[in-house]
Amino acid sequence: MVIYNKAIRDKIPEIIKESGKNCNVKKLNDSEFLVQLEKKLVEELAEYQESKNVEELADMLEVIYRISQLKGITSDALDSIKNEKAKKRGKFDNNLFLVDTD
């Protein structure tokens, strides 16, 4: 038996069963799941930092969009917030690195 205790995608139980294994899953309420998704985001970031695999970035986006939904913000609204912030403060297109200020 392997203990995971972590947030998973909706189809994971089905995938596990198709592989011939059994699993126990419980459904969390929104506030409980938000806590677990925030942990999942850290996990996905660590996986990206280790592997540099772009698929991990896609996983992070999936988690981020669900977190925003649980906070009452649609993915479109989140994208609008991102775009507004880019207008005000810019993006990261120019590879700038702040060394210091005085």
PDB file of N, CA and C in Angstrom:
ATOM      1  N   MET A   1       0.836  -1.179   0.000  1.00  0.00           N
ATOM      2  CA  MET A   1       0.000   0.000   0.000  1.00  0.00           C
ATOM      3  C   MET A   1       0.881   1.243   0.000  1.00  0.00           C
ATOM      4  N   VAL A   2       0.543   2.190  -0.872  1.00  0.00           N
ATOM      5  CA  VAL A   2       1.259   3.459  -0.946  1.00  0.00           C
ATOM      6  C   VAL A   2       0.305   4.564  -0.509  1.00  0.00           C
ATOM      7  N   ILE A   3       0.717   5.380   0.439  1.00  0.00           N
ATOM      8  CA  ILE A   3      -0.088   6.494   0.930  1.00  0.00           C
ATOM      9  C   ILE A   3       0.305   7.760   0.166  1.00  0.00           C
ATOM     10  N   TYR A   4      -0.673   8.442  -0.383  1.00  0.00           N
ATOM     11  CA  TYR A   4      -0.418   9.666  -1.141  1.00  0.00           C
ATOM     12  C   TYR A   4      -0.908  10.913  -0.411  1.00  0.00           C
ATOM     13  N   ASN A   5      -2.146  10.919   0.038  1.00  0.00           N
ATOM     14  CA  ASN A   5      -2.728  12.081   0.721  1.00  0.00           C
ATOM     15  C   ASN A   5      -2.465  13.385  -0.033  1.00  0.00           C
ATOM     16  N   LYS A   6      -2.953  13.456  -1.271  1.00  0.00           N
ATOM     17  CA  LYS A   6      -2.757  14.666  -2.044  1.00  0.00           C
ATOM     18  C   LYS A   6      -3.900  14.861  -3.034  1.00  0.00           C
ATOM     19  N   ALA A   7      -4.064  16.092  -3.473  1.00  0.00           N
ATOM     20  CA  ALA A   7      -5.074  16.430  -4.483  1.00  0.00           C
ATOM     21  C   ALA A   7      -4.696  15.760  -5.803  1.00  0.00           C
ATOM     22  N   ILE A   8      -5.710  15.260  -6.488  1.00  0.00           N
ATOM     23  CA  ILE A   8      -5.474  14.589  -7.770  1.00  0.00           C
ATOM     24  C   ILE A   8      -6.474  15.099  -8.807  1.00  0.00           C
ATOM     25  N   ARG A   9      -6.137  14.858 -10.068  1.00  0.00           N
ATOM     26  CA  ARG A   9      -7.053  15.178 -11.166  1.00  0.00           C
ATOM     27  C   ARG A   9      -8.240  14.210 -11.135  1.00  0.00           C
ATOM     28  N   ASP A  10      -9.350  14.649 -11.730  1.00  0.00           N
ATOM     29  CA  ASP A  10     -10.613  13.908 -11.658  1.00  0.00           C
ATOM     30  C   ASP A  10     -10.555  12.491 -12.238  1.00  0.00           C
ATOM     31  N   LYS A  11      -9.744  12.254 -13.238  1.00  0.00           N
ATOM     32  CA  LYS A  11      -9.728  10.944 -13.898  1.00  0.00           C
ATOM     33  C   LYS A  11      -8.715   9.964 -13.307  1.00  0.00           C
ATOM     34  N   ILE A  12      -7.958  10.393 -12.316  1.00  0.00           N
ATOM     35  CA  ILE A  12      -6.917   9.530 -11.741  1.00  0.00           C
ATOM     36  C   ILE A  12      -7.499   8.249 -11.134  1.00  0.00           C
ATOM     37  N   PRO A  13      -8.603   8.292 -10.385  1.00  0.00           N
ATOM     38  CA  PRO A  13      -9.139   7.027  -9.856  1.00  0.00           C
ATOM     39  C   PRO A  13      -9.490   6.031 -10.961  1.00  0.00           C
ATOM     40  N   GLU A  14     -10.069   6.519 -12.039  1.00  0.00           N
ATOM     41  CA  GLU A  14     -10.406   5.666 -13.178  1.00  0.00           C
ATOM     42  C   GLU A  14      -9.148   5.059 -13.808  1.00  0.00           C
ATOM     43  N   ILE A  15      -8.117   5.868 -13.947  1.00  0.00           N
ATOM     44  CA  ILE A  15      -6.848   5.402 -14.531  1.00  0.00           C
ATOM     45  C   ILE A  15      -6.222   4.329 -13.629  1.00  0.00           C
ATOM     46  N   ILE A  16      -6.286   4.540 -12.316  1.00  0.00           N
ATOM     47  CA  ILE A  16      -5.742   3.563 -11.372  1.00  0.00           C
ATOM     48  C   ILE A  16      -6.495   2.244 -11.486  1.00  0.00           C
ATOM     49  N   LYS A  17      -7.825   2.309 -11.541  1.00  0.00           N
ATOM     50  CA  LYS A  17      -8.641   1.093 -11.648  1.00  0.00           C
ATOM     51  C   LYS A  17      -8.376   0.364 -12.959  1.00  0.00           C
ATOM     52  N   GLU A  18      -8.212   1.111 -14.052  1.00  0.00           N
ATOM     53  CA  GLU A  18      -7.915   0.490 -15.346  1.00  0.00           C
ATOM     54  C   GLU A  18      -6.564  -0.220 -15.334  1.00  0.00           C
ATOM     55  N   SER A  19      -5.670   0.222 -14.449  1.00  0.00           N
ATOM     56  CA  SER A  19      -4.360  -0.426 -14.350  1.00  0.00           C
ATOM     57  C   SER A  19      -4.410  -1.697 -13.499  1.00  0.00           C
ATOM     58  N   GLY A  20      -5.601  -2.015 -12.967  1.00  0.00           N
ATOM     59  CA  GLY A  20      -5.749  -3.227 -12.168  1.00  0.00           C
ATOM     60  C   GLY A  20      -5.574  -3.023 -10.678  1.00  0.00           C
ATOM     61  N   LYS A  21      -5.427  -1.786 -10.245  1.00  0.00           N
ATOM     62  CA  LYS A  21      -5.254  -1.500  -8.818  1.00  0.00           C
ATOM     63  C   LYS A  21      -6.528  -0.883  -8.252  1.00  0.00           C
ATOM     64  N   ASN A  22      -6.599  -0.840  -6.960  1.00  0.00           N
ATOM     65  CA  ASN A  22      -7.693  -0.178  -6.258  1.00  0.00           C
ATOM     66  C   ASN A  22      -7.161   1.062  -5.564  1.00  0.00           C
ATOM     67  N   CYS A  23      -8.063   2.005  -5.292  1.00  0.00           N
ATOM     68  CA  CYS A  23      -7.653   3.205  -4.569  1.00  0.00           C
ATOM     69  C   CYS A  23      -8.807   3.697  -3.708  1.00  0.00           C
ATOM     70  N   ASN A  24      -8.468   4.400  -2.672  1.00  0.00           N
ATOM     71  CA  ASN A  24      -9.445   5.060  -1.820  1.00  0.00           C
ATOM     72  C   ASN A  24      -9.328   6.560  -2.053  1.00  0.00           C
ATOM     73  N   VAL A  25     -10.474   7.172  -2.304  1.00  0.00           N
ATOM     74  CA  VAL A  25     -10.533   8.604  -2.586  1.00  0.00           C
ATOM     75  C   VAL A  25     -11.634   9.198  -1.727  1.00  0.00           C
ATOM     76  N   LYS A  26     -11.430  10.412  -1.256  1.00  0.00           N
ATOM     77  CA  LYS A  26     -12.528  11.100  -0.594  1.00  0.00           C
ATOM     78  C   LYS A  26     -12.694  12.476  -1.224  1.00  0.00           C
ATOM     79  N   LYS A  27     -13.918  12.945  -1.203  1.00  0.00           N
ATOM     80  CA  LYS A  27     -14.215  14.256  -1.773  1.00  0.00           C
ATOM     81  C   LYS A  27     -14.138  15.287  -0.661  1.00  0.00           C
ATOM     82  N   LEU A  28     -13.331  16.322  -0.878  1.00  0.00           N
ATOM     83  CA  LEU A  28     -13.165  17.387   0.109  1.00  0.00           C
ATOM     84  C   LEU A  28     -14.112  18.537  -0.203  1.00  0.00           C
ATOM     85  N   ASN A  29     -14.446  19.312   0.813  1.00  0.00           N
ATOM     86  CA  ASN A  29     -15.205  20.525   0.539  1.00  0.00           C
ATOM     87  C   ASN A  29     -14.258  21.563  -0.062  1.00  0.00           C
ATOM     88  N   ASP A  30     -14.802  22.649  -0.568  1.00  0.00           N
ATOM     89  CA  ASP A  30     -13.994  23.635  -1.288  1.00  0.00           C
ATOM     90  C   ASP A  30     -12.854  24.201  -0.445  1.00  0.00           C
ATOM     91  N   SER A  31     -13.114  24.524   0.814  1.00  0.00           N
ATOM     92  CA  SER A  31     -12.045  25.118   1.633  1.00  0.00           C
ATOM     93  C   SER A  31     -10.942  24.106   1.931  1.00  0.00           C
ATOM     94  N   GLU A  32     -11.310  22.856   2.163  1.00  0.00           N
ATOM     95  CA  GLU A  32     -10.305  21.810   2.383  1.00  0.00           C
ATOM     96  C   GLU A  32      -9.497  21.571   1.109  1.00  0.00           C
ATOM     97  N   PHE A  33     -10.195  21.548  -0.029  1.00  0.00           N
ATOM     98  CA  PHE A  33      -9.514  21.283  -1.298  1.00  0.00           C
ATOM     99  C   PHE A  33      -8.584  22.433  -1.669  1.00  0.00           C
ATOM    100  N   LEU A  34      -8.970  23.665  -1.358  1.00  0.00           N
ATOM    101  CA  LEU A  34      -8.110  24.820  -1.627  1.00  0.00           C
ATOM    102  C   LEU A  34      -6.766  24.659  -0.920  1.00  0.00           C
ATOM    103  N   VAL A  35      -6.795  24.238   0.323  1.00  0.00           N
ATOM    104  CA  VAL A  35      -5.552  24.010   1.079  1.00  0.00           C
ATOM    105  C   VAL A  35      -4.694  22.964   0.369  1.00  0.00           C
ATOM    106  N   GLN A  36      -5.321  21.880  -0.078  1.00  0.00           N
ATOM    107  CA  GLN A  36      -4.581  20.815  -0.748  1.00  0.00           C
ATOM    108  C   GLN A  36      -4.052  21.258  -2.112  1.00  0.00           C
ATOM    109  N   LEU A  37      -4.826  22.085  -2.826  1.00  0.00           N
ATOM    110  CA  LEU A  37      -4.354  22.599  -4.117  1.00  0.00           C
ATOM    111  C   LEU A  37      -3.156  23.523  -3.954  1.00  0.00           C
ATOM    112  N   GLU A  38      -3.149  24.295  -2.886  1.00  0.00           N
ATOM    113  CA  GLU A  38      -1.995  25.164  -2.639  1.00  0.00           C
ATOM    114  C   GLU A  38      -0.741  24.321  -2.396  1.00  0.00           C
ATOM    115  N   LYS A  39      -0.891  23.197  -1.717  1.00  0.00           N
ATOM    116  CA  LYS A  39       0.230  22.258  -1.541  1.00  0.00           C
ATOM    117  C   LYS A  39       0.616  21.644  -2.887  1.00  0.00           C
ATOM    118  N   LYS A  40      -0.398  21.327  -3.703  1.00  0.00           N
ATOM    119  CA  LYS A  40      -0.167  20.728  -5.019  1.00  0.00           C
ATOM    120  C   LYS A  40       0.618  21.687  -5.915  1.00  0.00           C
ATOM    121  N   LEU A  41       0.324  22.964  -5.816  1.00  0.00           N
ATOM    122  CA  LEU A  41       1.042  23.959  -6.612  1.00  0.00           C
ATOM    123  C   LEU A  41       2.530  23.958  -6.272  1.00  0.00           C
ATOM    124  N   VAL A  42       2.848  23.861  -5.010  1.00  0.00           N
ATOM    125  CA  VAL A  42       4.250  23.781  -4.580  1.00  0.00           C
ATOM    126  C   VAL A  42       4.891  22.506  -5.127  1.00  0.00           C
ATOM    127  N   GLU A  43       4.148  21.396  -5.069  1.00  0.00           N
ATOM    128  CA  GLU A  43       4.643  20.118  -5.598  1.00  0.00           C
ATOM    129  C   GLU A  43       4.933  20.220  -7.100  1.00  0.00           C
ATOM    130  N   GLU A  44       3.997  20.810  -7.843  1.00  0.00           N
ATOM    131  CA  GLU A  44       4.179  20.940  -9.291  1.00  0.00           C
ATOM    132  C   GLU A  44       5.357  21.845  -9.621  1.00  0.00           C
ATOM    133  N   LEU A  45       5.547  22.906  -8.850  1.00  0.00           N
ATOM    134  CA  LEU A  45       6.691  23.794  -9.064  1.00  0.00           C
ATOM    135  C   LEU A  45       7.995  23.036  -8.829  1.00  0.00           C
ATOM    136  N   ALA A  46       8.055  22.255  -7.771  1.00  0.00           N
ATOM    137  CA  ALA A  46       9.265  21.469  -7.484  1.00  0.00           C
ATOM    138  C   ALA A  46       9.540  20.479  -8.614  1.00  0.00           C
ATOM    139  N   GLU A  47       8.482  19.859  -9.131  1.00  0.00           N
ATOM    140  CA  GLU A  47       8.660  18.915 -10.241  1.00  0.00           C
ATOM    141  C   GLU A  47       9.186  19.629 -11.480  1.00  0.00           C
ATOM    142  N   TYR A  48       8.678  20.835 -11.744  1.00  0.00           N
ATOM    143  CA  TYR A  48       9.185  21.593 -12.890  1.00  0.00           C
ATOM    144  C   TYR A  48      10.653  21.965 -12.675  1.00  0.00           C
ATOM    145  N   GLN A  49      10.969  22.447 -11.485  1.00  0.00           N
ATOM    146  CA  GLN A  49      12.347  22.857 -11.217  1.00  0.00           C
ATOM    147  C   GLN A  49      13.319  21.694 -11.378  1.00  0.00           C
ATOM    148  N   GLU A  50      12.878  20.501 -11.049  1.00  0.00           N
ATOM    149  CA  GLU A  50      13.741  19.333 -11.189  1.00  0.00           C
ATOM    150  C   GLU A  50      13.847  18.872 -12.640  1.00  0.00           C
ATOM    151  N   SER A  51      12.710  18.822 -13.329  1.00  0.00           N
ATOM    152  CA  SER A  51      12.691  18.223 -14.672  1.00  0.00           C
ATOM    153  C   SER A  51      12.829  19.225 -15.817  1.00  0.00           C
ATOM    154  N   LYS A  52      12.429  20.471 -15.573  1.00  0.00           N
ATOM    155  CA  LYS A  52      12.366  21.521 -16.610  1.00  0.00           C
ATOM    156  C   LYS A  52      11.402  21.129 -17.735  1.00  0.00           C
ATOM    157  N   ASN A  53      10.480  20.211 -17.451  1.00  0.00           N
ATOM    158  CA  ASN A  53       9.513  19.728 -18.422  1.00  0.00           C
ATOM    159  C   ASN A  53       8.338  20.698 -18.499  1.00  0.00           C
ATOM    160  N   VAL A  54       8.008  21.149 -19.707  1.00  0.00           N
ATOM    161  CA  VAL A  54       6.935  22.115 -19.923  1.00  0.00           C
ATOM    162  C   VAL A  54       5.580  21.554 -19.474  1.00  0.00           C
ATOM    163  N   GLU A  55       5.418  20.243 -19.485  1.00  0.00           N
ATOM    164  CA  GLU A  55       4.163  19.656 -19.017  1.00  0.00           C
ATOM    165  C   GLU A  55       3.881  20.014 -17.563  1.00  0.00           C
ATOM    166  N   GLU A  56       4.920  20.198 -16.778  1.00  0.00           N
ATOM    167  CA  GLU A  56       4.737  20.597 -15.380  1.00  0.00           C
ATOM    168  C   GLU A  56       4.165  22.006 -15.303  1.00  0.00           C
ATOM    169  N   LEU A  57       4.535  22.862 -16.265  1.00  0.00           N
ATOM    170  CA  LEU A  57       3.955  24.205 -16.312  1.00  0.00           C
ATOM    171  C   LEU A  57       2.463  24.122 -16.601  1.00  0.00           C
ATOM    172  N   ALA A  58       2.076  23.221 -17.486  1.00  0.00           N
ATOM    173  CA  ALA A  58       0.655  23.014 -17.783  1.00  0.00           C
ATOM    174  C   ALA A  58      -0.082  22.523 -16.533  1.00  0.00           C
ATOM    175  N   ASP A  59       0.559  21.635 -15.767  1.00  0.00           N
ATOM    176  CA  ASP A  59      -0.041  21.171 -14.517  1.00  0.00           C
ATOM    177  C   ASP A  59      -0.228  22.335 -13.546  1.00  0.00           C
ATOM    178  N   MET A  60       0.767  23.217 -13.469  1.00  0.00           N
ATOM    179  CA  MET A  60       0.659  24.378 -12.585  1.00  0.00           C
ATOM    180  C   MET A  60      -0.502  25.266 -13.012  1.00  0.00           C
ATOM    181  N   LEU A  61      -0.653  25.484 -14.314  1.00  0.00           N
ATOM    182  CA  LEU A  61      -1.770  26.300 -14.796  1.00  0.00           C
ATOM    183  C   LEU A  61      -3.109  25.683 -14.412  1.00  0.00           C
ATOM    184  N   GLU A  62      -3.227  24.380 -14.551  1.00  0.00           N
ATOM    185  CA  GLU A  62      -4.466  23.693 -14.188  1.00  0.00           C
ATOM    186  C   GLU A  62      -4.782  23.919 -12.716  1.00  0.00           C
ATOM    187  N   VAL A  63      -3.780  23.789 -11.875  1.00  0.00           N
ATOM    188  CA  VAL A  63      -3.960  24.004 -10.438  1.00  0.00           C
ATOM    189  C   VAL A  63      -4.292  25.469 -10.154  1.00  0.00           C
ATOM    190  N   ILE A  64      -3.597  26.381 -10.800  1.00  0.00           N
ATOM    191  CA  ILE A  64      -3.833  27.813 -10.589  1.00  0.00           C
ATOM    192  C   ILE A  64      -5.249  28.195 -10.988  1.00  0.00           C
ATOM    193  N   TYR A  65      -5.699  27.702 -12.136  1.00  0.00           N
ATOM    194  CA  TYR A  65      -7.061  28.022 -12.568  1.00  0.00           C
ATOM    195  C   TYR A  65      -8.106  27.480 -11.586  1.00  0.00           C
ATOM    196  N   ARG A  66      -7.892  26.293 -11.049  1.00  0.00           N
ATOM    197  CA  ARG A  66      -8.850  25.747 -10.081  1.00  0.00           C
ATOM    198  C   ARG A  66      -8.812  26.531  -8.778  1.00  0.00           C
ATOM    199  N   ILE A  67      -7.624  26.931  -8.333  1.00  0.00           N
ATOM    200  CA  ILE A  67      -7.520  27.769  -7.137  1.00  0.00           C
ATOM    201  C   ILE A  67      -8.304  29.059  -7.345  1.00  0.00           C
ATOM    202  N   SER A  68      -8.139  29.673  -8.515  1.00  0.00           N
ATOM    203  CA  SER A  68      -8.855  30.927  -8.775  1.00  0.00           C
ATOM    204  C   SER A  68     -10.364  30.699  -8.766  1.00  0.00           C
ATOM    205  N   GLN A  69     -10.827  29.576  -9.318  1.00  0.00           N
ATOM    206  CA  GLN A  69     -12.261  29.258  -9.288  1.00  0.00           C
ATOM    207  C   GLN A  69     -12.762  29.142  -7.853  1.00  0.00           C
ATOM    208  N   LEU A  70     -11.995  28.470  -7.020  1.00  0.00           N
ATOM    209  CA  LEU A  70     -12.393  28.304  -5.620  1.00  0.00           C
ATOM    210  C   LEU A  70     -12.402  29.629  -4.874  1.00  0.00           C
ATOM    211  N   LYS A  71     -11.665  30.601  -5.392  1.00  0.00           N
ATOM    212  CA  LYS A  71     -11.652  31.942  -4.799  1.00  0.00           C
ATOM    213  C   LYS A  71     -12.657  32.865  -5.484  1.00  0.00           C
ATOM    214  N   GLY A  72     -13.476  32.289  -6.378  1.00  0.00           N
ATOM    215  CA  GLY A  72     -14.537  33.059  -7.013  1.00  0.00           C
ATOM    216  C   GLY A  72     -14.123  33.836  -8.249  1.00  0.00           C
ATOM    217  N   ILE A  73     -12.978  33.475  -8.838  1.00  0.00           N
ATOM    218  CA  ILE A  73     -12.454  34.169 -10.018  1.00  0.00           C
ATOM    219  C   ILE A  73     -12.368  33.169 -11.167  1.00  0.00           C
ATOM    220  N   THR A  74     -13.020  33.470 -12.289  1.00  0.00           N
ATOM    221  CA  THR A  74     -12.948  32.580 -13.447  1.00  0.00           C
ATOM    222  C   THR A  74     -11.560  32.652 -14.075  1.00  0.00           C
ATOM    223  N   SER A  75     -11.251  31.673 -14.900  1.00  0.00           N
ATOM    224  CA  SER A  75      -9.950  31.687 -15.584  1.00  0.00           C
ATOM    225  C   SER A  75      -9.851  32.898 -16.506  1.00  0.00           C
ATOM    226  N   ASP A  76     -10.963  33.291 -17.137  1.00  0.00           N
ATOM    227  CA  ASP A  76     -10.952  34.495 -17.981  1.00  0.00           C
ATOM    228  C   ASP A  76     -10.680  35.743 -17.153  1.00  0.00           C
ATOM    229  N   ALA A  77     -11.294  35.824 -15.978  1.00  0.00           N
ATOM    230  CA  ALA A  77     -11.057  36.970 -15.101  1.00  0.00           C
ATOM    231  C   ALA A  77      -9.611  36.989 -14.617  1.00  0.00           C
ATOM    232  N   LEU A  78      -9.066  35.823 -14.307  1.00  0.00           N
ATOM    233  CA  LEU A  78      -7.669  35.736 -13.890  1.00  0.00           C
ATOM    234  C   LEU A  78      -6.755  36.212 -15.014  1.00  0.00           C
ATOM    235  N   ASP A  79      -7.056  35.791 -16.244  1.00  0.00           N
ATOM    236  CA  ASP A  79      -6.270  36.243 -17.393  1.00  0.00           C
ATOM    237  C   ASP A  79      -6.379  37.761 -17.561  1.00  0.00           C
ATOM    238  N   SER A  80      -7.556  38.324 -17.312  1.00  0.00           N
ATOM    239  CA  SER A  80      -7.728  39.782 -17.390  1.00  0.00           C
ATOM    240  C   SER A  80      -6.885  40.495 -16.343  1.00  0.00           C
ATOM    241  N   ILE A  81      -6.854  39.951 -15.132  1.00  0.00           N
ATOM    242  CA  ILE A  81      -6.016  40.511 -14.067  1.00  0.00           C
ATOM    243  C   ILE A  81      -4.555  40.469 -14.487  1.00  0.00           C
ATOM    244  N   LYS A  82      -4.144  39.339 -15.047  1.00  0.00           N
ATOM    245  CA  LYS A  82      -2.763  39.178 -15.523  1.00  0.00           C
ATOM    246  C   LYS A  82      -2.443  40.220 -16.595  1.00  0.00           C
ATOM    247  N   ASN A  83      -3.358  40.403 -17.545  1.00  0.00           N
ATOM    248  CA  ASN A  83      -3.136  41.356 -18.636  1.00  0.00           C
ATOM    249  C   ASN A  83      -3.099  42.791 -18.135  1.00  0.00           C
ATOM    250  N   GLU A  84      -3.951  43.119 -17.177  1.00  0.00           N
ATOM    251  CA  GLU A  84      -3.959  44.471 -16.605  1.00  0.00           C
ATOM    252  C   GLU A  84      -2.643  44.736 -15.865  1.00  0.00           C
ATOM    253  N   LYS A  85      -2.177  43.751 -15.141  1.00  0.00           N
ATOM    254  CA  LYS A  85      -0.901  43.891 -14.440  1.00  0.00           C
ATOM    255  C   LYS A  85       0.246  44.062 -15.438  1.00  0.00           C
ATOM    256  N   ALA A  86       0.181  43.348 -16.557  1.00  0.00           N
ATOM    257  CA  ALA A  86       1.211  43.472 -17.591  1.00  0.00           C
ATOM    258  C   ALA A  86       1.217  44.886 -18.178  1.00  0.00           C
ATOM    259  N   LYS A  87       0.040  45.475 -18.352  1.00  0.00           N
ATOM    260  CA  LYS A  87      -0.039  46.852 -18.863  1.00  0.00           C
ATOM    261  C   LYS A  87       0.614  47.828 -17.901  1.00  0.00           C
ATOM    262  N   LYS A  88       0.369  47.637 -16.604  1.00  0.00           N
ATOM    263  CA  LYS A  88       0.871  48.565 -15.588  1.00  0.00           C
ATOM    264  C   LYS A  88       2.340  48.353 -15.267  1.00  0.00           C
ATOM    265  N   ARG A  89       2.767  47.085 -15.193  1.00  0.00           N
ATOM    266  CA  ARG A  89       4.115  46.793 -14.699  1.00  0.00           C
ATOM    267  C   ARG A  89       4.994  46.077 -15.713  1.00  0.00           C
ATOM    268  N   GLY A  90       4.408  45.757 -16.865  1.00  0.00           N
ATOM    269  CA  GLY A  90       5.158  45.071 -17.897  1.00  0.00           C
ATOM    270  C   GLY A  90       5.109  43.564 -17.729  1.00  0.00           C
ATOM    271  N   LYS A  91       5.773  42.888 -18.649  1.00  0.00           N
ATOM    272  CA  LYS A  91       5.856  41.427 -18.612  1.00  0.00           C
ATOM    273  C   LYS A  91       7.276  41.025 -18.230  1.00  0.00           C
ATOM    274  N   PHE A  92       7.734  39.915 -18.726  1.00  0.00           N
ATOM    275  CA  PHE A  92       9.101  39.451 -18.500  1.00  0.00           C
ATOM    276  C   PHE A  92       9.795  39.200 -19.833  1.00  0.00           C
ATOM    277  N   ASP A  93       9.371  39.933 -20.864  1.00  0.00           N
ATOM    278  CA  ASP A  93       9.858  39.706 -22.221  1.00  0.00           C
ATOM    279  C   ASP A  93      11.315  40.100 -22.445  1.00  0.00           C
ATOM    280  N   ASN A  94      11.828  41.042 -21.673  1.00  0.00           N
ATOM    281  CA  ASN A  94      13.166  41.579 -21.934  1.00  0.00           C
ATOM    282  C   ASN A  94      14.269  40.974 -21.072  1.00  0.00           C
ATOM    283  N   ASN A  95      13.938  39.935 -20.321  1.00  0.00           N
ATOM    284  CA  ASN A  95      14.940  39.216 -19.512  1.00  0.00           C
ATOM    285  C   ASN A  95      15.689  40.132 -18.535  1.00  0.00           C
ATOM    286  N   LEU A  96      14.993  41.088 -17.951  1.00  0.00           N
ATOM    287  CA  LEU A  96      15.642  42.039 -17.029  1.00  0.00           C
ATOM    288  C   LEU A  96      15.880  41.407 -15.666  1.00  0.00           C
ATOM    289  N   PHE A  97      17.000  41.787 -15.062  1.00  0.00           N
ATOM    290  CA  PHE A  97      17.418  41.238 -13.767  1.00  0.00           C
ATOM    291  C   PHE A  97      17.869  42.429 -12.921  1.00  0.00           C
ATOM    292  N   LEU A  98      17.156  42.756 -11.861  1.00  0.00           N
ATOM    293  CA  LEU A  98      17.483  43.888 -11.004  1.00  0.00           C
ATOM    294  C   LEU A  98      18.638  43.516 -10.077  1.00  0.00           C
ATOM    295  N   VAL A  99      19.720  44.253 -10.187  1.00  0.00           N
ATOM    296  CA  VAL A  99      20.889  43.985  -9.354  1.00  0.00           C
ATOM    297  C   VAL A  99      20.778  44.741  -8.042  1.00  0.00           C
ATOM    298  N   ASP A 100      20.527  46.057  -8.103  1.00  0.00           N
ATOM    299  CA  ASP A 100      20.383  46.835  -6.883  1.00  0.00           C
ATOM    300  C   ASP A 100      19.758  48.187  -7.189  1.00  0.00           C
ATOM    301  N   THR A 101      19.463  48.929  -6.141  1.00  0.00           N
ATOM    302  CA  THR A 101      18.988  50.313  -6.249  1.00  0.00           C
ATOM    303  C   THR A 101      19.683  51.126  -5.170  1.00  0.00           C
ATOM    304  N   ASP A 102      19.640  52.452  -5.342  1.00  0.00           N
ATOM    305  CA  ASP A 102      20.152  53.307  -4.237  1.00  0.00           C
ATOM    306  C   ASP A 102      19.288  54.521  -4.083  1.00  0.00           C
TER     307      ASP A 102
END
